Amino acid sequence: MNRIVFAALVALPIAACSNPGSTGRDGTAGNPPSTASQRAYDRATGSGPTSADGTRNNPTGTAAERSFDRAAGTNTSGAYPSQSDGTRTNPPGTAAERAYDRATGSNTSGAYPSNSGGVPQR
């Protein structure tokens, strides 16, 4: 009996977190825009509803993710696709990997496919 109760208690958080049929995206059926606390705040203050992620006035990702992206030049949040690896302005790999590739003639980062045979790029 104790094993069954224990198994149920272990499975409860997993079952509670899973939401079959939901894409998990803000503003879709079964997942209204913003968080429950934000919606409660909107109702209490009489302000309009907070827009879904990825809309013009509420870009993709959290503010912390977007801050990280701006500071690190990444696209963790999805709000800065021009900063993704492999674009014209941001070649594959990190700056450290590309520096290593140039110094050793390797292609660890994927940015220097012409590096073969240990010929360093200058």
Protein backbone atom coordinates (compact mmCIF):
# COMPACT_ATOMS: atom_id res chain seq x y z
CA MET A 1 0.00 0.00 0.00
CA ASN A 2 2.81 2.41 0.89
CA ARG A 3 4.46 1.78 -2.45
CA ILE A 4 1.30 2.72 -4.33
CA VAL A 5 0.91 5.94 -2.34
CA PHE A 6 4.59 6.78 -2.86
CA ALA A 7 4.35 6.09 -6.60
CA ALA A 8 1.26 8.30 -6.84
CA LEU A 9 3.01 11.14 -4.99
CA VAL A 10 6.02 10.87 -7.29
CA ALA A 11 3.87 10.80 -10.43
CA LEU A 12 1.62 13.70 -9.37
CA PRO A 13 4.05 16.54 -10.19
CA ILE A 14 4.87 14.95 -13.54
CA ALA A 15 1.20 14.58 -14.43
CA ALA A 16 0.44 18.10 -13.23
CA CYS A 17 3.17 19.58 -15.41
CA SER A 18 2.21 17.74 -18.55
CA ASN A 19 -0.51 19.36 -20.61
CA PRO A 20 -1.41 17.15 -23.56
CA GLY A 21 -2.77 18.98 -26.55
CA SER A 22 -1.20 22.29 -25.57
CA THR A 23 1.64 23.64 -27.66
CA GLY A 24 2.86 25.56 -24.64
CA ARG A 25 2.93 28.76 -26.67
CA ASP A 26 1.48 31.87 -25.08
CA GLY A 27 -1.92 32.85 -26.44
CA THR A 28 -2.92 29.47 -27.85
CA ALA A 29 -6.02 27.51 -26.97
CA GLY A 30 -5.73 26.30 -23.39
CA ASN A 31 -2.90 28.75 -22.67
CA PRO A 32 -4.09 32.36 -22.58
CA PRO A 33 -1.61 35.19 -23.09
CA SER A 34 0.77 36.04 -20.20
CA THR A 35 0.79 34.44 -16.76
CA ALA A 36 -2.10 33.97 -14.35
CA SER A 37 -0.59 36.57 -12.02
CA GLN A 38 -0.22 39.04 -14.91
CA ARG A 39 -3.85 38.48 -15.94
CA ALA A 40 -4.97 39.04 -12.31
CA TYR A 41 -2.93 42.26 -12.21
CA ASP A 42 -4.48 43.39 -15.50
CA ARG A 43 -7.98 42.77 -14.11
CA ALA A 44 -7.22 44.50 -10.79
CA THR A 45 -5.72 47.60 -12.40
CA GLY A 46 -8.20 47.78 -15.26
CA SER A 47 -5.43 47.69 -17.83
CA GLY A 48 -5.83 45.89 -21.11
CA PRO A 49 -4.75 42.27 -21.41
CA THR A 50 -1.07 41.57 -21.86
CA SER A 51 -0.27 40.47 -25.39
CA ALA A 52 0.98 37.01 -26.25
CA ASP A 53 4.71 36.35 -26.67
CA GLY A 54 6.06 37.19 -30.08
CA THR A 55 3.69 40.07 -30.77
CA ARG A 56 4.84 43.58 -31.60
CA ASN A 57 4.53 44.95 -28.05
CA ASN A 58 5.65 41.73 -26.30
CA PRO A 59 8.62 40.18 -28.11
CA THR A 60 9.55 36.54 -27.87
CA GLY A 61 11.24 35.34 -24.65
CA THR A 62 11.48 36.86 -21.22
CA ALA A 63 13.05 40.21 -20.45
CA ALA A 64 15.96 38.39 -18.83
CA GLU A 65 16.53 36.27 -21.95
CA ARG A 66 16.38 39.33 -24.19
CA SER A 67 18.87 41.14 -21.90
CA PHE A 68 21.20 38.16 -22.10
CA ASP A 69 20.85 38.14 -25.89
CA ARG A 70 21.74 41.81 -26.18
CA ALA A 71 24.74 41.43 -23.86
CA ALA A 72 26.08 38.16 -25.29
CA GLY A 73 25.06 38.61 -28.94
CA THR A 74 22.99 35.40 -28.89
CA ASN A 75 19.42 34.49 -29.83
CA THR A 76 18.40 32.48 -26.76
CA SER A 77 15.03 34.25 -26.52
CA GLY A 78 14.21 34.04 -30.21
CA ALA A 79 13.76 37.83 -30.35
CA TYR A 80 17.03 38.44 -32.21
CA PRO A 81 17.17 36.06 -35.20
CA SER A 82 19.91 38.15 -36.82
CA GLN A 83 22.20 37.10 -33.95
CA SER A 84 21.75 33.37 -34.60
CA ASP A 85 24.81 31.28 -35.41
CA GLY A 86 25.50 30.88 -39.08
CA THR A 87 24.13 34.22 -40.27
CA ARG A 88 26.19 36.66 -42.33
CA THR A 89 26.83 38.84 -39.27
CA ASN A 90 27.45 35.94 -36.87
CA PRO A 91 29.33 32.95 -38.32
CA PRO A 92 29.05 29.49 -36.71
CA GLY A 93 30.72 28.81 -33.37
CA THR A 94 31.84 31.12 -30.60
CA ALA A 95 34.48 33.80 -30.97
CA ALA A 96 36.84 31.63 -28.92
CA GLU A 97 36.28 28.64 -31.23
CA ARG A 98 36.87 30.77 -34.32
CA ALA A 99 40.09 32.20 -32.78
CA TYR A 100 41.23 28.65 -32.03
CA ASP A 101 40.44 27.62 -35.62
CA ARG A 102 42.44 30.52 -37.06
CA ALA A 103 45.42 29.77 -34.79
CA THR A 104 45.49 26.01 -35.34
CA GLY A 105 44.11 25.66 -38.86
CA SER A 106 41.20 23.55 -37.63
CA ASN A 107 37.47 23.83 -38.22
CA THR A 108 36.13 23.22 -34.71
CA SER A 109 33.58 26.04 -35.01
CA GLY A 110 32.37 25.15 -38.48
CA ALA A 111 33.22 28.67 -39.69
CA TYR A 112 36.30 27.65 -41.66
CA PRO A 113 35.47 24.67 -43.91
CA SER A 114 38.53 25.48 -46.03
CA ASN A 115 40.82 24.72 -43.06
CA SER A 116 42.14 21.27 -43.63
CA GLY A 117 45.53 19.80 -43.12
CA GLY A 118 46.41 22.25 -40.33
CA VAL A 119 46.84 25.40 -42.43
CA PRO A 120 46.10 28.41 -40.18
CA GLN A 121 43.92 31.21 -41.61
CA ARG A 122 45.48 34.65 -41.56
